[in-house]
């Protein structure tokens, strides 16, 4: 499988992926990010899920050449995450039921931890996908299903139910949702905007909490 990955993924494609995911060479110095060997290993993993051998993974469980959603769910960090299904959905562009390797890598890059020597922002380049801001935008979209740039009470309740299951009553969940919105809502619209979401999480170590081990 490793040889297949190496022959089908050209060096120039790897270099482009490294730039997109935060790893490139600048003035002779390597910036931290996803390495050549990591990309090759992940491509090998990707091709093992690509049952149709057409360079893409499909979202539909009933895809005739394999159940790629179930394959995603074999990733331990996604299988145990209560929001795993929503994270899997994030791999697929809106209106699309398949993703190619570069799209797959762009989504994974949000979950790469930020190293100490990455915390000073490079003013000459684009913001890396694993920056705190981009991680927060990604997390916010997991809540904001209707894409109106706000987290409503119903959207918050859906996430709370995923996270706690049947361990507490609907009434208790409602109280938690109401209290959360009351504490976060600064403009009185009974919802949580992205700016309010960022404020709530300002003391949370999002950079490290939003990480997946197989990118290290």
Protein backbone atom coordinates (compact mmCIF):
# COMPACT_ATOMS: atom_id res chain seq x y z
CA UNK A 1 0.00 0.00 0.00
CA UNK A 2 2.88 2.36 0.77
CA UNK A 3 4.26 1.97 -2.74
CA UNK A 4 0.86 2.74 -4.24
CA UNK A 5 0.66 5.92 -2.20
CA UNK A 6 4.10 7.02 -3.27
CA UNK A 7 3.51 6.43 -6.97
CA UNK A 8 0.09 8.06 -7.18
CA UNK A 9 0.90 11.16 -5.12
CA UNK A 10 3.36 13.35 -6.99
CA UNK A 11 6.04 15.38 -5.20
CA UNK A 12 4.54 18.65 -6.42
CA UNK A 13 1.16 17.62 -4.98
CA UNK A 14 2.80 16.85 -1.65
CA UNK A 15 4.46 20.27 -1.64
CA UNK A 16 1.12 21.96 -2.32
CA UNK A 17 -0.52 19.99 0.48
CA UNK A 18 2.29 20.94 2.84
CA UNK A 19 1.70 24.62 2.07
CA UNK A 20 -2.06 24.28 2.51
CA UNK A 21 -1.72 22.46 5.82
CA UNK A 22 0.98 24.68 7.31
CA UNK A 23 4.29 23.05 6.41
CA UNK A 24 6.65 24.65 3.94
CA UNK A 25 10.18 25.93 3.54
CA UNK A 26 10.78 29.67 3.79
CA UNK A 27 14.22 31.25 3.50
CA UNK A 28 15.84 27.85 4.02
CA UNK A 29 13.98 27.16 7.28
CA UNK A 30 11.30 24.53 7.65
CA UNK A 31 8.10 25.72 9.27
CA UNK A 32 6.39 23.16 11.56
CA UNK A 33 3.53 21.26 10.03
CA UNK A 34 2.59 18.01 8.34
CA UNK A 35 5.72 16.30 7.04
CA UNK A 36 6.33 14.56 3.71
CA UNK A 37 6.30 11.15 5.41
CA UNK A 38 3.09 11.93 7.32
CA UNK A 39 1.34 12.96 4.12
CA UNK A 40 2.49 9.77 2.38
CA UNK A 41 1.26 7.63 5.29
CA UNK A 42 -2.08 9.45 5.39
CA UNK A 43 -2.43 9.03 1.63
CA UNK A 44 -1.86 5.31 2.06
CA UNK A 45 -4.58 5.31 4.69
CA UNK A 46 -6.85 7.35 2.43
CA UNK A 47 -6.41 4.95 -0.51
CA UNK A 48 -7.25 2.02 1.75
CA UNK A 49 -10.65 3.67 2.35
CA UNK A 50 -11.10 4.52 -1.34
CA UNK A 51 -12.79 1.27 -2.32
CA UNK A 52 -13.72 2.60 -5.75
CA UNK A 53 -10.07 3.55 -6.43
CA UNK A 54 -11.16 6.84 -8.01
CA UNK A 55 -9.27 9.20 -5.71
CA UNK A 56 -12.26 10.17 -3.55
CA UNK A 57 -14.19 9.03 -0.50
CA UNK A 58 -17.97 9.10 -0.57
CA UNK A 59 -20.25 10.11 2.26
CA UNK A 60 -23.13 7.75 1.52
CA UNK A 61 -23.23 4.53 3.49
CA UNK A 62 -24.78 2.76 0.52
CA UNK A 63 -21.94 3.51 -1.90
CA UNK A 64 -21.55 0.24 -3.81
CA UNK A 65 -17.76 0.05 -3.50
CA UNK A 66 -17.60 0.44 0.28
CA UNK A 67 -18.99 2.15 3.35
CA UNK A 68 -16.59 5.06 3.69
CA UNK A 69 -18.55 6.66 6.58
CA UNK A 70 -18.04 3.49 8.59
CA UNK A 71 -14.36 3.60 7.65
CA UNK A 72 -14.14 7.14 9.01
CA UNK A 73 -15.74 5.89 12.21
CA UNK A 74 -12.90 3.38 12.63
CA UNK A 75 -10.62 6.30 13.46
CA UNK A 76 -10.57 5.96 17.29
CA UNK A 77 -10.65 9.70 18.01
CA UNK A 78 -13.80 10.07 15.89
CA UNK A 79 -15.44 6.87 17.11
CA UNK A 80 -15.36 8.01 20.75
CA UNK A 81 -16.16 11.66 20.06
CA UNK A 82 -19.84 12.46 20.68
CA UNK A 83 -19.63 14.93 17.77
CA UNK A 84 -17.90 12.38 15.55
CA UNK A 85 -20.68 12.30 12.95
CA UNK A 86 -20.60 16.08 12.59
CA UNK A 87 -16.82 16.06 12.24
CA UNK A 88 -17.13 13.40 9.53
CA UNK A 89 -19.70 15.57 7.74
CA UNK A 90 -17.18 18.43 7.80
CA UNK A 91 -14.88 16.46 5.50
CA UNK A 92 -17.43 16.85 2.71
CA UNK A 93 -17.96 20.24 1.00
CA UNK A 94 -21.50 21.56 1.14
CA UNK A 95 -23.65 19.86 -1.48
CA UNK A 96 -20.99 17.22 -2.19
CA UNK A 97 -21.00 13.55 -1.24
CA UNK A 98 -17.32 12.90 -1.90
CA UNK A 99 -13.94 14.32 -0.94
CA UNK A 100 -10.53 14.02 -2.59
CA UNK A 101 -7.25 13.65 -0.71
CA UNK A 102 -6.43 17.37 -0.66
CA UNK A 103 -9.83 18.17 0.83
CA UNK A 104 -9.36 15.33 3.30
CA UNK A 105 -6.00 16.80 4.35
CA UNK A 106 -7.35 20.35 4.66
CA UNK A 107 -9.95 19.18 7.15
CA UNK A 108 -7.46 17.06 9.10
CA UNK A 109 -5.09 20.04 9.31
CA UNK A 110 -7.52 21.84 11.65
CA UNK A 111 -6.76 19.14 14.22
CA UNK A 112 -2.98 19.46 14.17
CA UNK A 113 -1.70 20.84 17.50
CA UNK A 114 0.08 24.17 17.46
CA UNK A 115 3.74 23.87 18.39
CA UNK A 116 5.41 26.50 20.58
CA UNK A 117 7.42 27.87 17.66
CA UNK A 118 4.23 28.33 15.61
CA UNK A 119 2.48 30.64 18.05
CA UNK A 120 4.09 33.76 16.61
CA UNK A 121 2.03 34.53 13.52
CA UNK A 122 3.81 34.78 10.17
CA UNK A 123 2.74 38.15 8.77
CA UNK A 124 3.95 37.18 5.29
CA UNK A 125 1.81 34.10 4.84
CA UNK A 126 -1.79 32.93 5.18
CA UNK A 127 -3.15 31.99 8.57
CA UNK A 128 -2.55 28.25 9.10
CA UNK A 129 -5.56 25.96 9.21
CA UNK A 130 -4.62 24.87 12.73
CA UNK A 131 -4.53 28.40 14.15
CA UNK A 132 -6.68 29.12 17.18
CA UNK A 133 -9.02 31.25 15.07
CA UNK A 134 -9.51 28.55 12.42
CA UNK A 135 -9.98 25.85 15.04
CA UNK A 136 -12.68 27.99 16.68
CA UNK A 137 -14.39 28.63 13.34
CA UNK A 138 -14.38 24.88 12.67
CA UNK A 139 -15.83 24.12 16.12
CA UNK A 140 -18.48 26.84 15.73
CA UNK A 141 -19.66 25.29 12.45
CA UNK A 142 -20.24 21.97 14.25
CA UNK A 143 -22.93 23.75 16.28
CA UNK A 144 -24.28 26.14 13.65
CA UNK A 145 -26.10 23.63 11.45
CA UNK A 146 -28.31 26.14 9.62
CA UNK A 147 -25.26 28.31 8.84
CA UNK A 148 -26.85 31.56 9.99
CA UNK A 149 -23.69 32.48 11.96
CA UNK A 150 -25.43 31.96 15.28
CA UNK A 151 -25.93 29.04 17.65
CA UNK A 152 -29.59 28.87 18.59
CA UNK A 153 -31.01 27.24 21.67
CA UNK A 154 -32.20 24.24 19.60
CA UNK A 155 -28.75 23.83 18.01
CA UNK A 156 -27.09 23.97 21.42
CA UNK A 157 -29.57 21.42 22.78
CA UNK A 158 -28.76 19.01 19.95
CA UNK A 159 -25.06 19.13 20.84
CA UNK A 160 -25.75 18.77 24.56
CA UNK A 161 -27.84 15.66 23.88
CA UNK A 162 -24.99 14.18 21.83
CA UNK A 163 -22.51 14.87 24.62
CA UNK A 164 -24.50 13.59 27.62
CA UNK A 165 -26.81 11.04 25.99
CA UNK A 166 -29.66 10.00 28.27
CA UNK A 167 -27.78 10.71 31.47
CA UNK A 168 -29.85 13.79 32.32
CA UNK A 169 -33.43 14.81 31.63
CA UNK A 170 -34.64 17.10 28.85
CA UNK A 171 -35.61 19.63 31.51
CA UNK A 172 -32.07 19.66 32.91
CA UNK A 173 -30.62 19.97 29.41
CA UNK A 174 -32.94 22.89 28.72
CA UNK A 175 -31.77 24.62 31.89
CA UNK A 176 -28.12 24.13 30.90
CA UNK A 177 -28.79 25.50 27.41
CA UNK A 178 -30.67 28.51 28.78
CA UNK A 179 -27.94 29.28 31.30
CA UNK A 180 -25.19 28.89 28.68
CA UNK A 181 -26.92 31.27 26.28
CA UNK A 182 -27.70 33.74 29.05
CA UNK A 183 -24.04 33.84 30.09
CA UNK A 184 -22.67 34.06 26.53
CA UNK A 185 -25.27 36.31 24.87
CA UNK A 186 -24.04 39.89 24.92
CA UNK A 187 -26.34 41.46 22.32
CA UNK A 188 -29.64 40.10 23.65
CA UNK A 189 -30.68 38.05 20.61
CA UNK A 190 -31.04 34.79 22.60
CA UNK A 191 -28.34 33.10 20.51
CA UNK A 192 -24.54 32.78 20.50
CA UNK A 193 -22.62 34.57 17.75
CA UNK A 194 -19.09 33.60 16.76
CA UNK A 195 -17.63 36.54 18.69
CA UNK A 196 -19.57 35.45 21.79
CA UNK A 197 -18.46 31.84 21.22
CA UNK A 198 -14.82 33.00 21.11
CA UNK A 199 -15.31 34.99 24.31
CA UNK A 200 -16.72 31.97 26.15
CA UNK A 201 -13.72 29.85 25.13
CA UNK A 202 -11.03 32.49 25.66
CA UNK A 203 -9.48 30.58 28.59
CA UNK A 204 -9.80 27.13 26.99
CA UNK A 205 -6.71 25.55 25.43
CA UNK A 206 -8.45 25.02 22.10
CA UNK A 207 -5.15 24.59 20.26
CA UNK A 208 -4.38 21.34 22.06
CA UNK A 209 -7.89 20.09 22.81
CA UNK A 210 -8.80 20.13 19.11
CA UNK A 211 -6.16 17.63 18.06
CA UNK A 212 -6.08 14.15 16.57
CA UNK A 213 -3.18 11.92 17.49
CA UNK A 214 -2.48 10.45 14.06
CA UNK A 215 -1.35 13.88 12.79
CA UNK A 216 1.44 14.17 15.36
